[in-house]
Amino acid sequence: MIKIVLDCFGGDNSPKANVDGAIHALMKNHDLHLILTGDEATIRGCLWAESLSDRIEIVHAPDVITGEDKPTEAIKRRKESSLVKGLELLRENDDIAGIVSIGATGAVLAGTVLRLGRIKGVLRPAFCPILPTMHDGIVGVCDSGANVDCKPAYLKQFAIMGSVYLRSVYGVENPKVALLNVGVESEKGGVLHQEAYELLKACDSVNFVGNMESRDLLSGKYDLVVCDGFSGNVLLKATEGACLETLGRLKRGFGRNLRTKLGALLLKKMLMEEKRFLDYQNYGGSILAGAKKIVVKGHGSSKATGVEKCIEQAYKMASSGYCQEVERALLESKPEE
């Protein structure tokens, strides 16, 4: 039985979306056991599948950390919050594999560092979300916001941890790793990028294929993009924003007049497929690579489908022994000078 904690509060649609997503995940995975943290009475009011009650445990946590709270202070002071309670359960119980939360990103990161810790040898944990590519594949971005200031050695580890993730969870053999830069030439970028380029090129455990310009993120040419957290966050949000604005423009265009509406009707099936393809809800959340145990951070606006996908991410990571694989890969990589 794989046990995972689900923080049921902190998201825009919590707790209903969290509980609904939990039930759907339990229905699909019969060796999954979920521990739901949050206000017990509220959570029980959302439960609708009595047949699954033997695989659901509720731990009462009446407090909630919000996006307005200062992350570090909230983790230290709000000990009865659903997130802190979940992290404490994860830290204190060897049989619990991971935690899923759609709460405040800063609090999840601070809580992981303060309450859980890192895998031995990890310099910095990093967020690694998954996006769809134009050729029906996926691409990971590591880091997407955990580390604004980075050293070259951090980027090398991001490449190793992200490669293990794609290989063990998504079955991507020998993932193609690129370094985000302002051009594809090896001499491009500042000192960080040039030194990181050399480290990645010399790293035997990473299939490094060179620099990548941001416009190629969804091209399908790369499986993993390595970058500092500031650049990665800008890359991720700019790409998501461009996709959403494009969909919005198409919707307005098709509703312009009778002729365009008829065209939309003829193209309805294709348009719905493209909408599903670009919907982040279908790709889960961002893992915190390098954490001592599995941590998955979903979008704050996640609905039931998004929460379900996050739980499935954590489940697959636990099944594949992801954390153990990361520790092994870091031990085998050449240490920095």
C-alpha atoms as a PDB file:
ATOM      1  CA  MET A   1       0.000   0.000   0.000  1.00  0.00           C
ATOM      2  CA  ILE A   2       1.343   3.431  -1.000  1.00  0.00           C
ATOM      3  CA  LYS A   3       0.449   6.151   1.507  1.00  0.00           C
ATOM      4  CA  ILE A   4       0.297   9.806   0.469  1.00  0.00           C
ATOM      5  CA  VAL A   5      -0.760  12.896   2.418  1.00  0.00           C
ATOM      6  CA  LEU A   6      -3.163  15.322   0.731  1.00  0.00           C
ATOM      7  CA  ASP A   7      -3.332  18.874   2.067  1.00  0.00           C
ATOM      8  CA  CYS A   8      -7.042  19.605   1.579  1.00  0.00           C
ATOM      9  CA  PHE A   9      -6.940  23.385   2.035  1.00  0.00           C
ATOM     10  CA  GLY A  10      -5.172  26.419   0.592  1.00  0.00           C
ATOM     11  CA  GLY A  11      -6.402  26.218  -3.023  1.00  0.00           C
ATOM     12  CA  ASP A  12      -9.015  28.346  -4.773  1.00  0.00           C
ATOM     13  CA  ASN A  13     -11.435  25.405  -4.962  1.00  0.00           C
ATOM     14  CA  SER A  14     -10.542  23.696  -1.685  1.00  0.00           C
ATOM     15  CA  PRO A  15     -11.600  21.475  -0.066  1.00  0.00           C
ATOM     16  CA  LYS A  16     -14.150  20.078  -2.540  1.00  0.00           C
ATOM     17  CA  ALA A  17     -11.718  19.858  -5.465  1.00  0.00           C
ATOM     18  CA  ASN A  18      -9.129  18.170  -3.230  1.00  0.00           C
ATOM     19  CA  VAL A  19     -11.552  15.576  -1.886  1.00  0.00           C
ATOM     20  CA  ASP A  20     -13.101  14.866  -5.296  1.00  0.00           C
ATOM     21  CA  GLY A  21      -9.627  14.462  -6.815  1.00  0.00           C
ATOM     22  CA  ALA A  22      -8.646  12.142  -3.963  1.00  0.00           C
ATOM     23  CA  ILE A  23     -11.660   9.897  -4.531  1.00  0.00           C
ATOM     24  CA  HIS A  24     -11.024   9.661  -8.275  1.00  0.00           C
ATOM     25  CA  ALA A  25      -7.359   8.772  -7.634  1.00  0.00           C
ATOM     26  CA  LEU A  26      -8.351   6.066  -5.150  1.00  0.00           C
ATOM     27  CA  MET A  27     -10.781   4.578  -7.652  1.00  0.00           C
ATOM     28  CA  LYS A  28      -7.993   4.212 -10.221  1.00  0.00           C
ATOM     29  CA  ASN A  29      -5.230   2.979  -7.905  1.00  0.00           C
ATOM     30  CA  HIS A  30      -6.290   0.166  -5.602  1.00  0.00           C
ATOM     31  CA  ASP A  31      -3.038   0.081  -3.599  1.00  0.00           C
ATOM     32  CA  LEU A  32      -3.246   3.798  -2.770  1.00  0.00           C
ATOM     33  CA  HIS A  33      -4.028   5.074   0.739  1.00  0.00           C
ATOM     34  CA  LEU A  34      -4.634   8.792   1.305  1.00  0.00           C
ATOM     35  CA  ILE A  35      -4.315  10.818   4.506  1.00  0.00           C
ATOM     36  CA  LEU A  36      -6.376  14.008   4.236  1.00  0.00           C
ATOM     37  CA  THR A  37      -5.343  16.944   6.409  1.00  0.00           C
ATOM     38  CA  GLY A  38      -7.638  19.857   7.212  1.00  0.00           C
ATOM     39  CA  ASP A  39     -10.795  20.651   9.124  1.00  0.00           C
ATOM     40  CA  GLU A  40     -12.283  17.203   9.734  1.00  0.00           C
ATOM     41  CA  ALA A  41     -15.956  18.172   9.689  1.00  0.00           C
ATOM     42  CA  THR A  42     -15.588  20.085   6.433  1.00  0.00           C
ATOM     43  CA  ILE A  43     -13.690  17.246   4.762  1.00  0.00           C
ATOM     44  CA  ARG A  44     -16.245  14.665   5.863  1.00  0.00           C
ATOM     45  CA  GLY A  45     -18.984  16.838   4.400  1.00  0.00           C
ATOM     46  CA  CYS A  46     -17.293  16.550   0.991  1.00  0.00           C
ATOM     47  CA  LEU A  47     -16.801  12.767   1.023  1.00  0.00           C
ATOM     48  CA  TRP A  48     -19.202  10.843  -1.201  1.00  0.00           C
ATOM     49  CA  ALA A  49     -17.634   7.387  -1.695  1.00  0.00           C
ATOM     50  CA  GLU A  50     -18.222   5.310   1.427  1.00  0.00           C
ATOM     51  CA  SER A  51     -16.775   2.197  -0.209  1.00  0.00           C
ATOM     52  CA  LEU A  52     -13.334   3.836  -0.151  1.00  0.00           C
ATOM     53  CA  SER A  53     -13.398   4.772   3.536  1.00  0.00           C
ATOM     54  CA  ASP A  54     -10.942   2.002   4.466  1.00  0.00           C
ATOM     55  CA  ARG A  55      -8.282   3.735   2.328  1.00  0.00           C
ATOM     56  CA  ILE A  56      -8.988   7.262   3.571  1.00  0.00           C
ATOM     57  CA  GLU A  57      -7.701   8.698   6.829  1.00  0.00           C
ATOM     58  CA  ILE A  58      -8.487  12.203   8.084  1.00  0.00           C
ATOM     59  CA  VAL A  59      -6.133  14.165  10.351  1.00  0.00           C
ATOM     60  CA  HIS A  60      -7.790  17.218  11.865  1.00  0.00           C
ATOM     61  CA  ALA A  61      -5.971  20.502  11.141  1.00  0.00           C
ATOM     62  CA  PRO A  62      -8.228  23.535  11.679  1.00  0.00           C
ATOM     63  CA  ASP A  63      -5.830  26.225  10.439  1.00  0.00           C
ATOM     64  CA  VAL A  64      -4.989  27.237   6.845  1.00  0.00           C
ATOM     65  CA  ILE A  65      -1.899  28.965   5.413  1.00  0.00           C
ATOM     66  CA  THR A  66      -2.839  31.432   2.670  1.00  0.00           C
ATOM     67  CA  GLY A  67      -0.934  33.288  -0.015  1.00  0.00           C
ATOM     68  CA  GLU A  68      -1.001  36.433   2.120  1.00  0.00           C
ATOM     69  CA  ASP A  69       1.002  34.781   4.908  1.00  0.00           C
ATOM     70  CA  LYS A  70       4.777  35.120   5.051  1.00  0.00           C
ATOM     71  CA  PRO A  71       5.916  31.555   4.248  1.00  0.00           C
ATOM     72  CA  THR A  72       8.640  30.999   6.846  1.00  0.00           C
ATOM     73  CA  GLU A  73       6.700  32.641   9.678  1.00  0.00           C
ATOM     74  CA  ALA A  74       3.557  30.700   8.783  1.00  0.00           C
ATOM     75  CA  ILE A  75       5.376  27.359   8.821  1.00  0.00           C
ATOM     76  CA  LYS A  76       6.883  28.133  12.239  1.00  0.00           C
ATOM     77  CA  ARG A  77       3.744  29.537  13.857  1.00  0.00           C
ATOM     78  CA  ARG A  78       0.769  27.815  12.240  1.00  0.00           C
ATOM     79  CA  LYS A  79       1.449  24.353  13.573  1.00  0.00           C
ATOM     80  CA  GLU A  80      -2.232  23.376  13.320  1.00  0.00           C
ATOM     81  CA  SER A  81      -2.463  24.199   9.606  1.00  0.00           C
ATOM     82  CA  SER A  82      -3.264  21.484   7.069  1.00  0.00           C
ATOM     83  CA  LEU A  83       0.116  21.913   5.348  1.00  0.00           C
ATOM     84  CA  VAL A  84       2.284  21.803   8.478  1.00  0.00           C
ATOM     85  CA  LYS A  85       0.348  18.840   9.873  1.00  0.00           C
ATOM     86  CA  GLY A  86       0.843  17.029   6.572  1.00  0.00           C
ATOM     87  CA  LEU A  87       4.578  17.709   6.478  1.00  0.00           C
ATOM     88  CA  GLU A  88       4.973  16.535  10.079  1.00  0.00           C
ATOM     89  CA  LEU A  89       3.169  13.281   9.256  1.00  0.00           C
ATOM     90  CA  LEU A  90       5.450  12.820   6.266  1.00  0.00           C
ATOM     91  CA  ARG A  91       8.593  13.465   8.315  1.00  0.00           C
ATOM     92  CA  GLU A  92       7.653  11.245  11.251  1.00  0.00           C
ATOM     93  CA  ASN A  93       6.261   8.195   9.431  1.00  0.00           C
ATOM     94  CA  ASP A  94       8.509   6.001   7.282  1.00  0.00           C
ATOM     95  CA  ASP A  95       5.522   4.342   5.610  1.00  0.00           C
ATOM     96  CA  ILE A  96       4.215   7.638   4.142  1.00  0.00           C
ATOM     97  CA  ALA A  97       5.790   8.301   0.738  1.00  0.00           C
ATOM     98  CA  GLY A  98       4.848  11.885  -0.045  1.00  0.00           C
ATOM     99  CA  ILE A  99       2.572  14.894   0.140  1.00  0.00           C
ATOM    100  CA  VAL A 100       0.409  16.756  -2.383  1.00  0.00           C
ATOM    101  CA  SER A 101      -0.646  20.376  -1.853  1.00  0.00           C
ATOM    102  CA  ILE A 102      -2.286  23.076  -3.962  1.00  0.00           C
ATOM    103  CA  GLY A 103      -1.645  25.671  -1.257  1.00  0.00           C
ATOM    104  CA  ALA A 104       0.723  28.643  -1.288  1.00  0.00           C
ATOM    105  CA  THR A 105       3.920  27.883  -3.218  1.00  0.00           C
ATOM    106  CA  GLY A 106       6.204  29.765  -0.829  1.00  0.00           C
ATOM    107  CA  ALA A 107       4.782  27.910   2.159  1.00  0.00           C
ATOM    108  CA  VAL A 108       5.208  24.519   0.474  1.00  0.00           C
ATOM    109  CA  LEU A 109       8.845  25.340  -0.318  1.00  0.00           C
ATOM    110  CA  ALA A 110       9.591  26.771   3.140  1.00  0.00           C
ATOM    111  CA  GLY A 111       7.809  23.900   4.853  1.00  0.00           C
ATOM    112  CA  THR A 112       9.739  21.321   2.875  1.00  0.00           C
ATOM    113  CA  VAL A 113      13.081  22.934   3.722  1.00  0.00           C
ATOM    114  CA  LEU A 114      12.286  23.546   7.406  1.00  0.00           C
ATOM    115  CA  ARG A 115      10.225  20.464   8.270  1.00  0.00           C
ATOM    116  CA  LEU A 116      11.289  17.778   5.821  1.00  0.00           C
ATOM    117  CA  GLY A 117      14.782  18.449   4.517  1.00  0.00           C
ATOM    118  CA  ARG A 118      16.692  17.373   1.415  1.00  0.00           C
ATOM    119  CA  ILE A 119      18.011  14.153  -0.027  1.00  0.00           C
ATOM    120  CA  LYS A 120      21.618  13.588   0.987  1.00  0.00           C
ATOM    121  CA  GLY A 121      23.905  15.400  -1.446  1.00  0.00           C
ATOM    122  CA  VAL A 122      21.267  17.810  -2.809  1.00  0.00           C
ATOM    123  CA  LEU A 123      22.500  21.398  -2.826  1.00  0.00           C
ATOM    124  CA  ARG A 124      19.075  22.978  -3.464  1.00  0.00           C
ATOM    125  CA  PRO A 125      15.624  21.490  -4.138  1.00  0.00           C
ATOM    126  CA  ALA A 126      13.990  22.668  -7.366  1.00  0.00           C
ATOM    127  CA  PHE A 127      10.483  22.858  -8.778  1.00  0.00           C
ATOM    128  CA  CYS A 128      10.022  20.811 -11.947  1.00  0.00           C
ATOM    129  CA  PRO A 129       6.633  21.097 -13.703  1.00  0.00           C
ATOM    130  CA  ILE A 130       5.683  19.221 -16.890  1.00  0.00           C
ATOM    131  CA  LEU A 131       4.293  20.867 -20.037  1.00  0.00           C
ATOM    132  CA  PRO A 132       2.949  19.343 -23.269  1.00  0.00           C
ATOM    133  CA  THR A 133       4.910  19.730 -26.512  1.00  0.00           C
ATOM    134  CA  MET A 134       3.613  20.274 -30.035  1.00  0.00           C
ATOM    135  CA  HIS A 135       4.385  16.648 -30.975  1.00  0.00           C
ATOM    136  CA  ASP A 136       2.329  15.048 -28.178  1.00  0.00           C
ATOM    137  CA  GLY A 137       5.306  14.660 -25.882  1.00  0.00           C
ATOM    138  CA  ILE A 138       6.232  16.394 -22.618  1.00  0.00           C
ATOM    139  CA  VAL A 139       8.962  18.722 -21.431  1.00  0.00           C
ATOM    140  CA  GLY A 140      10.085  19.478 -17.882  1.00  0.00           C
ATOM    141  CA  VAL A 141      11.369  22.834 -16.611  1.00  0.00           C
ATOM    142  CA  CYS A 142      13.816  22.667 -13.701  1.00  0.00           C
ATOM    143  CA  ASP A 143      13.944  25.046 -11.818  1.00  0.00           C
ATOM    144  CA  SER A 144      10.689  27.000 -12.191  1.00  0.00           C
ATOM    145  CA  GLY A 145      10.871  29.208  -9.113  1.00  0.00           C
ATOM    146  CA  ALA A 146      12.459  27.676  -6.022  1.00  0.00           C
ATOM    147  CA  ASN A 147      15.922  29.242  -6.497  1.00  0.00           C
ATOM    148  CA  VAL A 148      16.116  32.777  -7.871  1.00  0.00           C
ATOM    149  CA  ASP A 149      19.911  32.922  -7.502  1.00  0.00           C
ATOM    150  CA  CYS A 150      21.832  29.860  -8.672  1.00  0.00           C
ATOM    151  CA  LYS A 151      25.348  28.509  -8.997  1.00  0.00           C
ATOM    152  CA  PRO A 152      26.482  26.308 -11.899  1.00  0.00           C
ATOM    153  CA  ALA A 153      26.602  23.257  -9.602  1.00  0.00           C
ATOM    154  CA  TYR A 154      22.914  23.744  -8.799  1.00  0.00           C
ATOM    155  CA  LEU A 155      22.006  23.627 -12.494  1.00  0.00           C
ATOM    156  CA  LYS A 156      23.975  20.434 -12.934  1.00  0.00           C
ATOM    157  CA  GLN A 157      22.021  18.818 -10.105  1.00  0.00           C
ATOM    158  CA  PHE A 158      18.730  20.102 -11.541  1.00  0.00           C
ATOM    159  CA  ALA A 159      19.632  18.304 -14.766  1.00  0.00           C
ATOM    160  CA  ILE A 160      20.372  15.058 -12.922  1.00  0.00           C
ATOM    161  CA  MET A 161      17.233  15.173 -10.744  1.00  0.00           C
ATOM    162  CA  GLY A 162      15.004  16.163 -13.657  1.00  0.00           C
ATOM    163  CA  SER A 163      16.420  13.403 -15.853  1.00  0.00           C
ATOM    164  CA  VAL A 164      15.719  10.794 -13.162  1.00  0.00           C
ATOM    165  CA  TYR A 165      12.151  12.129 -12.881  1.00  0.00           C
ATOM    166  CA  LEU A 166      11.424  11.889 -16.603  1.00  0.00           C
ATOM    167  CA  ARG A 167      13.036   8.474 -16.888  1.00  0.00           C
ATOM    168  CA  SER A 168      11.510   6.821 -13.811  1.00  0.00           C
ATOM    169  CA  VAL A 169       8.024   8.369 -13.840  1.00  0.00           C
ATOM    170  CA  TYR A 170       7.315   9.062 -17.519  1.00  0.00           C
ATOM    171  CA  GLY A 171       9.475   6.389 -19.145  1.00  0.00           C
ATOM    172  CA  VAL A 172      11.555   8.865 -21.185  1.00  0.00           C
ATOM    173  CA  GLU A 173      14.748   6.990 -21.974  1.00  0.00           C
ATOM    174  CA  ASN A 174      17.899   9.099 -21.992  1.00  0.00           C
ATOM    175  CA  PRO A 175      16.080  12.476 -21.711  1.00  0.00           C
ATOM    176  CA  LYS A 176      17.470  15.250 -23.907  1.00  0.00           C
ATOM    177  CA  VAL A 177      18.567  18.069 -21.577  1.00  0.00           C
ATOM    178  CA  ALA A 178      18.985  21.691 -22.659  1.00  0.00           C
ATOM    179  CA  LEU A 179      20.218  24.792 -20.835  1.00  0.00           C
ATOM    180  CA  LEU A 180      17.953  27.851 -21.178  1.00  0.00           C
ATOM    181  CA  ASN A 181      19.939  30.655 -22.759  1.00  0.00           C
ATOM    182  CA  VAL A 182      19.683  33.676 -25.066  1.00  0.00           C
ATOM    183  CA  GLY A 183      21.116  31.707 -27.987  1.00  0.00           C
ATOM    184  CA  VAL A 184      22.105  28.180 -28.915  1.00  0.00           C
ATOM    185  CA  GLU A 185      25.834  28.892 -29.286  1.00  0.00           C
ATOM    186  CA  SER A 186      28.032  27.526 -26.485  1.00  0.00           C
ATOM    187  CA  GLU A 187      29.569  30.929 -25.710  1.00  0.00           C
ATOM    188  CA  LYS A 188      26.195  32.635 -25.142  1.00  0.00           C
ATOM    189  CA  GLY A 189      25.002  33.928 -21.765  1.00  0.00           C
ATOM    190  CA  GLY A 190      26.743  35.191 -18.675  1.00  0.00           C
ATOM    191  CA  VAL A 191      29.215  33.516 -16.359  1.00  0.00           C
ATOM    192  CA  LEU A 192      26.516  31.289 -14.810  1.00  0.00           C
ATOM    193  CA  HIS A 193      25.413  29.931 -18.166  1.00  0.00           C
ATOM    194  CA  GLN A 194      28.912  29.438 -19.559  1.00  0.00           C
ATOM    195  CA  GLU A 195      30.140  27.590 -16.471  1.00  0.00           C
ATOM    196  CA  ALA A 196      26.949  25.536 -16.244  1.00  0.00           C
ATOM    197  CA  TYR A 197      27.312  24.641 -19.924  1.00  0.00           C
ATOM    198  CA  GLU A 198      30.769  23.174 -19.286  1.00  0.00           C
ATOM    199  CA  LEU A 199      29.587  21.235 -16.226  1.00  0.00           C
ATOM    200  CA  LEU A 200      26.634  19.761 -18.088  1.00  0.00           C
ATOM    201  CA  LYS A 201      28.763  18.870 -21.094  1.00  0.00           C
ATOM    202  CA  ALA A 202      31.154  16.938 -18.828  1.00  0.00           C
ATOM    203  CA  CYS A 203      28.391  15.179 -16.857  1.00  0.00           C
ATOM    204  CA  ASP A 204      28.152  11.518 -17.939  1.00  0.00           C
ATOM    205  CA  SER A 205      24.786  10.972 -16.214  1.00  0.00           C
ATOM    206  CA  VAL A 206      23.034  13.664 -18.278  1.00  0.00           C
ATOM    207  CA  ASN A 207      22.255  13.624 -22.008  1.00  0.00           C
ATOM    208  CA  PHE A 208      23.122  17.284 -22.515  1.00  0.00           C
ATOM    209  CA  VAL A 209      22.309  18.564 -26.012  1.00  0.00           C
ATOM    210  CA  GLY A 210      23.265  22.246 -25.640  1.00  0.00           C
ATOM    211  CA  ASN A 211      21.552  25.591 -25.173  1.00  0.00           C
ATOM    212  CA  MET A 212      17.874  26.278 -25.891  1.00  0.00           C
ATOM    213  CA  GLU A 213      16.133  29.541 -26.738  1.00  0.00           C
ATOM    214  CA  SER A 214      12.816  30.095 -24.965  1.00  0.00           C
ATOM    215  CA  ARG A 215      10.792  29.936 -28.197  1.00  0.00           C
ATOM    216  CA  ASP A 216      11.647  26.234 -28.523  1.00  0.00           C
ATOM    217  CA  LEU A 217      10.236  25.153 -25.154  1.00  0.00           C
ATOM    218  CA  LEU A 218       7.209  23.380 -26.656  1.00  0.00           C
ATOM    219  CA  SER A 219       8.911  22.306 -29.881  1.00  0.00           C
ATOM    220  CA  GLY A 220       9.470  18.710 -28.789  1.00  0.00           C
ATOM    221  CA  LYS A 221      13.212  18.947 -29.418  1.00  0.00           C
ATOM    222  CA  TYR A 222      13.993  18.717 -25.702  1.00  0.00           C
ATOM    223  CA  ASP A 223      12.745  16.642 -22.760  1.00  0.00           C
ATOM    224  CA  LEU A 224      14.130  18.797 -19.946  1.00  0.00           C
ATOM    225  CA  VAL A 225      15.104  22.469 -19.752  1.00  0.00           C
ATOM    226  CA  VAL A 226      17.489  23.505 -16.970  1.00  0.00           C
ATOM    227  CA  CYS A 227      17.547  27.076 -15.680  1.00  0.00           C
ATOM    228  CA  ASP A 228      17.678  29.257 -12.590  1.00  0.00           C
ATOM    229  CA  GLY A 229      14.358  29.688 -10.797  1.00  0.00           C
ATOM    230  CA  PHE A 230      13.833  33.299 -11.897  1.00  0.00           C
ATOM    231  CA  SER A 231      14.272  32.568 -15.600  1.00  0.00           C
ATOM    232  CA  GLY A 232      12.323  29.330 -15.340  1.00  0.00           C
ATOM    233  CA  ASN A 233       9.359  31.001 -13.668  1.00  0.00           C
ATOM    234  CA  VAL A 234       9.265  33.731 -16.312  1.00  0.00           C
ATOM    235  CA  LEU A 235       9.554  31.107 -19.080  1.00  0.00           C
ATOM    236  CA  LEU A 236       6.759  28.993 -17.631  1.00  0.00           C
ATOM    237  CA  LYS A 237       4.297  31.815 -16.993  1.00  0.00           C
ATOM    238  CA  ALA A 238       4.991  33.549 -20.292  1.00  0.00           C
ATOM    239  CA  THR A 239       4.340  30.292 -22.146  1.00  0.00           C
ATOM    240  CA  GLU A 240       1.153  29.543 -20.200  1.00  0.00           C
ATOM    241  CA  GLY A 241      -0.048  33.121 -20.701  1.00  0.00           C
ATOM    242  CA  ALA A 242       0.621  33.040 -24.447  1.00  0.00           C
ATOM    243  CA  CYS A 243      -1.322  29.791 -24.807  1.00  0.00           C
ATOM    244  CA  LEU A 244      -4.289  31.114 -22.827  1.00  0.00           C
ATOM    245  CA  GLU A 245      -4.371  34.401 -24.739  1.00  0.00           C
ATOM    246  CA  THR A 246      -4.218  32.540 -28.053  1.00  0.00           C
ATOM    247  CA  LEU A 247      -7.171  30.367 -27.042  1.00  0.00           C
ATOM    248  CA  GLY A 248      -9.068  33.475 -25.958  1.00  0.00           C
ATOM    249  CA  ARG A 249      -8.400  35.203 -29.265  1.00  0.00           C
ATOM    250  CA  LEU A 250      -9.587  32.170 -31.225  1.00  0.00           C
ATOM    251  CA  LYS A 251     -12.773  32.033 -29.137  1.00  0.00           C
ATOM    252  CA  ARG A 252     -13.502  35.706 -29.813  1.00  0.00           C
ATOM    253  CA  GLY A 253     -12.731  35.260 -33.495  1.00  0.00           C
ATOM    254  CA  PHE A 254     -15.038  32.286 -33.936  1.00  0.00           C
ATOM    255  CA  GLY A 255     -17.875  34.149 -32.225  1.00  0.00           C
ATOM    256  CA  ARG A 256     -17.604  37.209 -34.474  1.00  0.00           C
ATOM    257  CA  ASN A 257     -20.439  36.464 -36.915  1.00  0.00           C
ATOM    258  CA  LEU A 258     -22.618  33.685 -38.334  1.00  0.00           C
ATOM    259  CA  ARG A 259     -19.964  32.502 -40.791  1.00  0.00           C
ATOM    260  CA  THR A 260     -17.259  32.152 -38.142  1.00  0.00           C
ATOM    261  CA  LYS A 261     -19.719  30.445 -35.780  1.00  0.00           C
ATOM    262  CA  LEU A 262     -20.505  27.862 -38.456  1.00  0.00           C
ATOM    263  CA  GLY A 263     -16.761  27.357 -38.943  1.00  0.00           C
ATOM    264  CA  ALA A 264     -16.340  26.810 -35.206  1.00  0.00           C
ATOM    265  CA  LEU A 265     -19.142  24.252 -35.275  1.00  0.00           C
ATOM    266  CA  LEU A 266     -17.381  22.306 -38.020  1.00  0.00           C
ATOM    267  CA  LEU A 267     -14.091  22.476 -36.121  1.00  0.00           C
ATOM    268  CA  LYS A 268     -15.594  21.858 -32.673  1.00  0.00           C
ATOM    269  CA  LYS A 269     -14.036  18.424 -32.135  1.00  0.00           C
ATOM    270  CA  MET A 270     -10.554  19.622 -33.078  1.00  0.00           C
ATOM    271  CA  LEU A 271     -10.887  22.782 -30.998  1.00  0.00           C
ATOM    272  CA  MET A 272     -11.955  20.805 -27.920  1.00  0.00           C
ATOM    273  CA  GLU A 273      -8.988  18.463 -28.363  1.00  0.00           C
ATOM    274  CA  GLU A 274      -6.604  21.423 -28.543  1.00  0.00           C
ATOM    275  CA  LYS A 275      -8.202  22.969 -25.455  1.00  0.00           C
ATOM    276  CA  ARG A 276      -7.688  19.733 -23.511  1.00  0.00           C
ATOM    277  CA  PHE A 277      -4.128  19.515 -24.818  1.00  0.00           C
ATOM    278  CA  LEU A 278      -3.266  22.963 -23.460  1.00  0.00           C
ATOM    279  CA  ASP A 279      -5.142  22.622 -20.149  1.00  0.00           C
ATOM    280  CA  TYR A 280      -2.616  22.469 -17.290  1.00  0.00           C
ATOM    281  CA  GLN A 281      -5.152  20.511 -15.211  1.00  0.00           C
ATOM    282  CA  ASN A 282      -4.317  17.436 -17.279  1.00  0.00           C
ATOM    283  CA  TYR A 283      -0.592  17.522 -16.457  1.00  0.00           C
ATOM    284  CA  GLY A 284      -0.641  17.640 -12.672  1.00  0.00           C
ATOM    285  CA  GLY A 285       1.623  19.897 -10.684  1.00  0.00           C
ATOM    286  CA  SER A 286       5.262  20.605 -10.075  1.00  0.00           C
ATOM    287  CA  ILE A 287       7.403  18.195  -8.100  1.00  0.00           C
ATOM    288  CA  LEU A 288       9.944  19.586  -5.651  1.00  0.00           C
ATOM    289  CA  ALA A 289      12.961  17.643  -6.870  1.00  0.00           C
ATOM    290  CA  GLY A 290      15.556  16.963  -4.195  1.00  0.00           C
ATOM    291  CA  ALA A 291      13.198  16.924  -1.211  1.00  0.00           C
ATOM    292  CA  LYS A 292      13.827  14.070   1.239  1.00  0.00           C
ATOM    293  CA  LYS A 293      10.439  12.608   0.362  1.00  0.00           C
ATOM    294  CA  ILE A 294       7.990  13.189  -2.478  1.00  0.00           C
ATOM    295  CA  VAL A 295       6.457  16.675  -2.641  1.00  0.00           C
ATOM    296  CA  VAL A 296       4.035  17.675  -5.424  1.00  0.00           C
ATOM    297  CA  LYS A 297       2.767  21.258  -5.627  1.00  0.00           C
ATOM    298  CA  GLY A 298      -0.336  21.728  -7.773  1.00  0.00           C
ATOM    299  CA  HIS A 299      -1.775  24.937  -9.227  1.00  0.00           C
ATOM    300  CA  GLY A 300      -3.705  26.959  -6.667  1.00  0.00           C
ATOM    301  CA  SER A 301      -6.667  27.049  -9.061  1.00  0.00           C
ATOM    302  CA  SER A 302      -6.687  23.267  -9.540  1.00  0.00           C
ATOM    303  CA  LYS A 303     -10.028  21.542  -9.869  1.00  0.00           C
ATOM    304  CA  ALA A 304     -10.660  17.861  -9.110  1.00  0.00           C
ATOM    305  CA  THR A 305      -8.853  16.689 -12.262  1.00  0.00           C
ATOM    306  CA  GLY A 306      -5.752  18.702 -11.421  1.00  0.00           C
ATOM    307  CA  VAL A 307      -5.634  17.327  -7.867  1.00  0.00           C
ATOM    308  CA  GLU A 308      -6.140  13.780  -9.159  1.00  0.00           C
ATOM    309  CA  LYS A 309      -3.221  14.173 -11.565  1.00  0.00           C
ATOM    310  CA  CYS A 310      -1.001  15.520  -8.773  1.00  0.00           C
ATOM    311  CA  ILE A 311      -1.814  12.495  -6.631  1.00  0.00           C
ATOM    312  CA  GLU A 312      -1.034  10.206  -9.558  1.00  0.00           C
ATOM    313  CA  GLN A 313       2.332  11.953  -9.966  1.00  0.00           C
ATOM    314  CA  ALA A 314       3.175  11.288  -6.335  1.00  0.00           C
ATOM    315  CA  TYR A 315       1.927   7.704  -6.645  1.00  0.00           C
ATOM    316  CA  LYS A 316       4.115   7.024  -9.701  1.00  0.00           C
ATOM    317  CA  MET A 317       7.138   8.601  -8.024  1.00  0.00           C
ATOM    318  CA  ALA A 318       6.663   6.386  -4.972  1.00  0.00           C
ATOM    319  CA  SER A 319       6.190   3.290  -7.141  1.00  0.00           C
ATOM    320  CA  SER A 320       9.389   3.999  -9.074  1.00  0.00           C
ATOM    321  CA  GLY A 321      11.536   4.758  -6.003  1.00  0.00           C
ATOM    322  CA  TYR A 322      12.255   8.253  -7.305  1.00  0.00           C
ATOM    323  CA  CYS A 323      13.956   9.675  -4.206  1.00  0.00           C
ATOM    324  CA  GLN A 324      16.260   6.659  -3.919  1.00  0.00           C
ATOM    325  CA  GLU A 325      17.111   6.945  -7.624  1.00  0.00           C
ATOM    326  CA  VAL A 326      18.010  10.615  -7.221  1.00  0.00           C
ATOM    327  CA  GLU A 327      20.317   9.884  -4.291  1.00  0.00           C
ATOM    328  CA  ARG A 328      22.015   7.115  -6.255  1.00  0.00           C
ATOM    329  CA  ALA A 329      22.415   9.300  -9.362  1.00  0.00           C
ATOM    330  CA  LEU A 330      23.969  12.142  -7.359  1.00  0.00           C
ATOM    331  CA  LEU A 331      26.410   9.775  -5.677  1.00  0.00           C
ATOM    332  CA  GLU A 332      27.481   8.428  -9.068  1.00  0.00           C
ATOM    333  CA  SER A 333      27.941  11.880 -10.656  1.00  0.00           C
ATOM    334  CA  LYS A 334      31.366  13.479 -10.526  1.00  0.00           C
ATOM    335  CA  PRO A 335      31.704  15.821  -7.513  1.00  0.00           C
ATOM    336  CA  GLU A 336      32.427  19.480  -8.160  1.00  0.00           C
ATOM    337  CA  GLU A 337      35.949  20.795  -7.752  1.00  0.00           C
END
